[in-house]
Protein backbone atom coordinates (compact mmCIF):
# COMPACT_ATOMS: atom_id res chain seq x y z
CA UNK A 1 14.93 -1.82 7.36
CA UNK A 2 12.85 -3.95 9.55
CA UNK A 3 8.97 -5.07 9.08
CA UNK A 4 6.37 -3.83 6.99
CA UNK A 5 3.28 -2.78 9.28
CA UNK A 6 0.36 -4.09 8.02
CA UNK A 7 -0.70 -3.34 4.67
CA UNK A 8 -4.35 -4.35 4.88
CA UNK A 9 -4.77 -0.72 6.72
CA UNK A 10 -5.62 0.33 3.39
CA UNK A 11 -8.74 -1.92 2.90
CA UNK A 12 -8.00 -1.77 -0.66
CA UNK A 13 -6.70 -4.43 -3.39
CA UNK A 14 -3.14 -3.97 -3.77
CA UNK A 15 -1.98 -4.08 -7.35
CA UNK A 16 1.40 -3.56 -9.38
CA UNK A 17 0.14 -0.15 -9.71
CA UNK A 18 -0.19 0.90 -6.07
CA UNK A 19 2.12 3.36 -4.81
CA UNK A 20 4.17 3.31 -1.63
CA UNK A 21 4.69 5.69 1.22
CA UNK A 22 6.12 5.09 4.50
CA UNK A 23 7.77 6.53 8.18
CA UNK A 24 10.57 5.68 9.30
CA UNK A 25 11.70 5.62 12.73
CA UNK A 26 13.84 4.36 15.42
CA UNK A 27 12.03 3.18 17.31
CA UNK A 28 8.68 3.64 14.92
CA UNK A 29 5.86 0.90 16.50
CA UNK A 30 4.35 4.02 18.37
CA UNK A 31 3.84 5.72 15.15
CA UNK A 32 0.12 6.89 14.47
CA UNK A 33 0.65 8.21 11.13
CA UNK A 34 0.12 5.23 9.04
CA UNK A 35 -3.37 4.89 10.82
CA UNK A 36 -3.74 8.45 9.53
CA UNK A 37 -2.04 8.69 5.93
CA UNK A 38 -4.13 5.49 5.22
CA UNK A 39 -7.11 7.29 6.29
CA UNK A 40 -6.50 9.94 4.07
CA UNK A 41 -4.81 7.90 0.86
CA UNK A 42 -8.46 6.23 1.18
CA UNK A 43 -10.79 9.03 1.39
CA UNK A 44 -9.25 10.64 -1.20
CA UNK A 45 -9.51 7.34 -4.04
CA UNK A 46 -5.61 7.19 -4.12
CA UNK A 47 -4.28 4.04 -4.96
CA UNK A 48 -1.76 3.79 -2.64
CA UNK A 49 -0.38 2.51 0.67
CA UNK A 50 1.37 4.05 3.94
CA UNK A 51 3.46 1.78 6.22
CA UNK A 52 6.19 1.80 8.88
CA UNK A 53 9.57 0.95 8.55
CA UNK A 54 11.93 0.57 11.69
CA UNK A 55 15.28 1.88 10.59
CA UNK A 56 18.27 1.83 12.87
CA UNK A 57 20.71 4.83 12.09
CA UNK A 58 23.05 2.39 11.15
CA UNK A 59 20.72 1.24 8.46
CA UNK A 60 19.54 4.60 7.32
CA UNK A 61 21.59 4.98 4.46
CA UNK A 62 20.70 1.56 2.85
CA UNK A 63 17.00 2.91 3.53
CA UNK A 64 17.29 6.16 1.49
CA UNK A 65 19.11 4.07 -1.24
CA UNK A 66 16.29 1.78 -0.80
CA UNK A 67 13.54 4.09 -1.45
CA UNK A 68 15.25 5.73 -4.61
CA UNK A 69 15.40 1.92 -6.01
CA UNK A 70 12.13 0.70 -5.39
CA UNK A 71 10.36 3.74 -6.37
CA UNK A 72 8.83 4.58 -3.38
CA UNK A 73 6.80 7.82 -3.64
CA UNK A 74 7.41 9.25 -0.30
CA UNK A 75 8.73 9.06 3.13
CA UNK A 76 8.21 10.85 6.57
CA UNK A 77 11.09 10.48 8.86
CA UNK A 78 11.06 10.97 12.42
CA UNK A 79 13.12 10.24 16.06
CA UNK A 80 16.47 9.93 15.39
CA UNK A 81 16.78 10.28 11.97
CA UNK A 82 15.97 13.47 10.80
CA UNK A 83 19.17 15.29 10.74
CA UNK A 84 21.43 12.51 9.46
CA UNK A 85 19.08 12.09 6.28
CA UNK A 86 19.68 15.57 4.94
CA UNK A 87 22.70 14.95 3.60
CA UNK A 88 21.16 11.80 1.81
CA UNK A 89 18.70 13.60 -0.25
CA UNK A 90 19.47 15.00 -3.43
CA UNK A 91 17.98 18.83 -2.50
CA UNK A 92 16.87 20.47 0.73
CA UNK A 93 13.96 22.88 0.74
CA UNK A 94 15.14 26.41 2.09
CA UNK A 95 12.93 25.89 5.32
CA UNK A 96 14.52 22.15 6.06
CA UNK A 97 17.76 23.90 5.59
CA UNK A 98 17.38 26.55 7.96
CA UNK A 99 16.02 24.35 10.62
CA UNK A 100 18.29 21.69 10.12
CA UNK A 101 16.19 18.58 9.90
CA UNK A 102 14.07 17.08 7.35
CA UNK A 103 10.71 15.06 8.78
CA UNK A 104 9.35 14.46 4.90
CA UNK A 105 11.05 13.28 1.45
CA UNK A 106 9.52 13.40 -2.11
CA UNK A 107 10.40 10.71 -4.22
CA UNK A 108 10.23 13.15 -7.56
CA UNK A 109 11.32 10.20 -10.18
CA UNK A 110 14.45 9.14 -8.52
CA UNK A 111 15.41 12.68 -7.17
CA UNK A 112 14.56 12.93 -3.51
CA UNK A 113 13.77 16.30 -1.95
CA UNK A 114 13.57 16.80 1.25
CA UNK A 115 11.13 19.23 3.66
CA UNK A 116 10.49 19.76 6.99
CA UNK A 117 6.57 20.38 7.38
CA UNK A 118 6.63 20.95 11.27
CA UNK A 119 6.67 24.17 11.87
CA UNK A 120 4.50 24.86 8.81
CA UNK A 121 1.77 22.52 10.23
CA UNK A 122 1.97 23.91 13.87
CA UNK A 123 0.93 27.61 12.50
CA UNK A 124 -1.44 26.13 10.35
CA UNK A 125 -3.02 24.43 13.08
CA UNK A 126 -3.00 27.20 15.69
CA UNK A 127 -3.98 29.48 13.18
CA UNK A 128 -7.24 27.38 12.27
CA UNK A 129 -8.49 26.22 15.67
CA UNK A 130 -7.66 29.69 17.79
CA UNK A 131 -8.57 32.27 14.78
CA UNK A 132 -5.42 34.33 16.26
CA UNK A 133 -3.65 36.93 14.49
CA UNK A 134 -0.35 36.42 14.54
CA UNK A 135 0.93 39.35 13.17
CA UNK A 136 -0.03 41.19 16.12
CA UNK A 137 1.13 38.26 19.15
CA UNK A 138 3.87 38.50 21.39
CA UNK A 139 5.04 34.72 22.04
CA UNK A 140 7.22 32.64 24.38
CA UNK A 141 8.19 29.46 23.19
CA UNK A 142 9.46 27.09 26.25
CA UNK A 143 12.55 24.83 25.06
CA UNK A 144 15.22 25.47 22.57
CA UNK A 145 15.72 22.01 21.12
CA UNK A 146 15.15 21.06 17.10
CA UNK A 147 11.28 21.48 17.66
CA UNK A 148 11.62 25.01 18.93
CA UNK A 149 13.68 25.75 15.87
CA UNK A 150 11.13 24.79 13.35
CA UNK A 151 8.35 26.15 15.20
CA UNK A 152 10.41 29.88 15.46
CA UNK A 153 11.53 30.08 12.20
CA UNK A 154 7.21 29.16 10.78
CA UNK A 155 6.62 31.74 13.30
CA UNK A 156 8.87 34.21 12.69
CA UNK A 157 7.76 33.94 8.42
CA UNK A 158 4.03 34.29 9.59
CA UNK A 159 5.25 37.88 10.97
CA UNK A 160 4.96 37.31 14.49
CA UNK A 161 4.98 40.68 16.17
CA UNK A 162 7.42 39.26 18.96
CA UNK A 163 9.00 35.81 19.74
CA UNK A 164 11.09 34.60 23.32
CA UNK A 165 12.74 31.43 23.40
CA UNK A 166 12.76 30.63 27.21
CA UNK A 167 15.19 27.75 28.30
CA UNK A 168 16.54 26.34 31.34
CA UNK A 169 20.25 26.64 29.59
CA UNK A 170 19.77 30.18 28.13
CA UNK A 171 23.12 29.29 25.68
CA UNK A 172 21.02 27.02 23.43
CA UNK A 173 18.35 29.61 23.51
CA UNK A 174 20.71 31.85 22.13
CA UNK A 175 22.40 29.99 19.29
CA UNK A 176 18.39 29.72 18.00
CA UNK A 177 17.85 33.48 18.32
CA UNK A 178 21.63 34.33 16.35
CA UNK A 179 20.16 31.66 13.73
CA UNK A 180 16.98 33.03 13.01
CA UNK A 181 17.43 37.01 13.84
CA UNK A 182 17.54 38.24 10.35
CA UNK A 183 13.84 36.70 10.12
CA UNK A 184 12.08 38.58 12.75
CA UNK A 185 12.13 39.73 16.27
CA UNK A 186 13.63 37.36 18.54
CA UNK A 187 15.02 37.38 21.79
CA UNK A 188 16.01 34.84 25.03
CA UNK A 189 15.07 34.47 28.45
CA UNK A 190 15.37 31.93 31.05
CA UNK A 191 13.07 29.82 32.64
CA UNK A 192 13.62 28.25 36.22
CA UNK A 193 11.15 25.17 37.95
CA UNK A 194 8.48 26.33 35.38
CA UNK A 195 8.55 30.56 35.69
CA UNK A 196 9.73 32.36 32.84
CA UNK A 197 12.00 35.60 33.29
CA UNK A 198 9.20 37.81 31.74
CA UNK A 199 5.91 39.78 33.06
CA UNK A 200 3.03 37.56 32.05
CA UNK A 201 1.26 40.41 30.59
CA UNK A 202 3.69 40.79 27.82
CA UNK A 203 3.06 37.63 26.55
CA UNK A 204 -0.09 36.52 24.22
CA UNK A 205 0.88 33.10 23.20
CA UNK A 206 2.59 30.58 25.12
CA UNK A 207 3.83 27.16 23.27
CA UNK A 208 5.68 24.25 24.90
CA UNK A 209 7.69 22.54 22.83
CA UNK A 210 9.63 20.50 25.39
CA UNK A 211 8.49 16.91 26.17
CA UNK A 212 7.67 18.10 29.65
CA UNK A 213 4.13 16.52 30.26
CA UNK A 214 4.25 13.40 28.24
CA UNK A 215 3.06 10.06 28.58
CA UNK A 216 3.84 8.59 31.22
CA UNK A 217 4.72 11.65 33.07
CA UNK A 218 1.57 13.67 32.92
CA UNK A 219 1.57 15.02 35.95
CA UNK A 220 4.49 17.47 34.92
CA UNK A 221 4.34 20.85 33.57
CA UNK A 222 7.03 22.83 31.63
CA UNK A 223 5.11 26.44 33.10
CA UNK A 224 3.79 26.91 36.57
CA UNK A 225 -0.23 27.76 36.56
CA UNK A 226 0.53 30.62 38.96
CA UNK A 227 2.18 32.46 36.23
CA UNK A 228 -0.10 32.11 33.12
CA UNK A 229 -2.79 34.78 32.94
CA UNK A 230 -6.41 34.28 31.13
CA UNK A 231 -5.87 36.73 28.38
CA UNK A 232 -2.94 34.13 26.67
CA UNK A 233 -3.35 31.23 24.33
CA UNK A 234 -1.52 28.18 25.59
CA UNK A 235 -0.45 25.66 23.07
CA UNK A 236 1.55 22.16 24.04
CA UNK A 237 3.08 20.08 20.79
CA UNK A 238 2.59 17.36 22.89
CA UNK A 239 -0.44 15.28 21.78
CA UNK A 240 -0.36 12.07 24.17
CA UNK A 241 -2.38 12.95 26.60
CA UNK A 242 -4.15 15.22 24.64
CA UNK A 243 -5.09 17.13 27.72
CA UNK A 244 -1.47 17.89 29.03
CA UNK A 245 -0.70 19.16 32.91
CA UNK A 246 -0.34 22.59 31.12
CA UNK A 247 -2.98 22.68 29.14
CA UNK A 248 -5.49 21.93 32.11
CA UNK A 249 -3.76 24.39 34.22
CA UNK A 250 -4.01 27.13 31.30
CA UNK A 251 -7.93 25.91 31.39
CA UNK A 252 -8.09 26.72 34.74
CA UNK A 253 -6.98 30.03 34.87
CA UNK A 254 -9.53 30.87 31.96
CA UNK A 255 -6.60 30.56 29.03
CA UNK A 256 -7.46 29.71 25.70
CA UNK A 257 -5.83 26.12 24.91
CA UNK A 258 -4.31 24.08 21.98
CA UNK A 259 -3.33 20.63 22.09
CA UNK A 260 -0.48 19.11 19.84
CA UNK A 261 -2.81 17.14 17.96
CA UNK A 262 -3.59 19.72 15.41
CA UNK A 263 0.37 20.07 14.97
CA UNK A 264 0.76 16.14 14.23
CA UNK A 265 -2.31 16.20 11.80
CA UNK A 266 -1.36 19.08 9.76
CA UNK A 267 2.49 18.65 9.37
CA UNK A 268 1.05 15.13 8.13
CA UNK A 269 -1.56 16.63 5.90
CA UNK A 270 1.40 18.77 4.27
CA UNK A 271 3.55 15.86 3.86
CA UNK A 272 0.31 14.52 1.90
CA UNK A 273 -0.19 17.90 -0.09
CA UNK A 274 3.58 17.25 -0.93
CA UNK A 275 3.03 13.94 -1.87
CA UNK A 276 0.16 13.81 -4.11
CA UNK A 277 -1.05 17.71 -5.28
CA UNK A 278 -4.29 16.92 -3.76
CA UNK A 279 -5.58 19.21 -0.61
CA UNK A 280 -5.36 16.67 2.52
CA UNK A 281 -8.50 15.40 4.04
CA UNK A 282 -7.78 17.17 7.44
CA UNK A 283 -11.06 16.10 8.94
CA UNK A 284 -10.51 12.46 8.63
CA UNK A 285 -7.19 12.39 9.35
CA UNK A 286 -7.80 14.02 12.74
CA UNK A 287 -10.52 11.60 13.48
CA UNK A 288 -8.19 8.61 12.25
CA UNK A 289 -5.88 9.86 14.83
CA UNK A 290 -8.24 10.20 17.44
CA UNK A 291 -9.91 6.99 17.28
CA UNK A 292 -6.29 5.39 17.86
CA UNK A 293 -5.69 7.66 20.94
């Protein structure tokens, strides 16, 4: 399964009672989850450590069996395993089933339960950091990949007024809309060269779920600056860099901005709460990631 990252991150004494949590992915060396989760465990005085395992796709099944056999209490799952791991757990939470991806596993005395905390983490972050009322908000989602599906589901469950998925390939957007139509008002639009085929006056919140603008391509943006307006909230799920070109342009036109750091922290916070039953120390977790960045 690869090497364990430094257990010394916990800075506490490790005993035969110490519980183990982990994140798995391929690659995984870039993950900030160990720093964030170990800071949270320390802050709450929990006798546990959180590490990272580099797991290749052909090793995934053995990894999940190892989690069960070794009693690893909880695990985060990242690219490329979120979809494949679903069929390897004993139970899948309803939101993860709809989204079609699991990013968190809870080991409940040998029973493995899969959850998806991405969408919930994003919504919690957006509401707490901007104070927005989603029930009166018209939202434009840029992109139609797995991240978009999770966010769409969570936003519709929050009762957002209207949700539009914009993608260069409209068929992919239609696929999401068809799957989630029963959960609320959702429609599709085309986006070409950063220009959504929508009147910007009819949009309150713009959310980028694509990788456009992620390091090292920091000069790229998914939405044209001239299309954005000052009344909008503009959000980007990317957190490296913290302020993407999209957010810089949004700031320049007077819009409120929301970075991807909050989604990353809150999806981790919800996972922490699922594992421990304790309210996550969000400020501590955010500070740990900020220092690392």
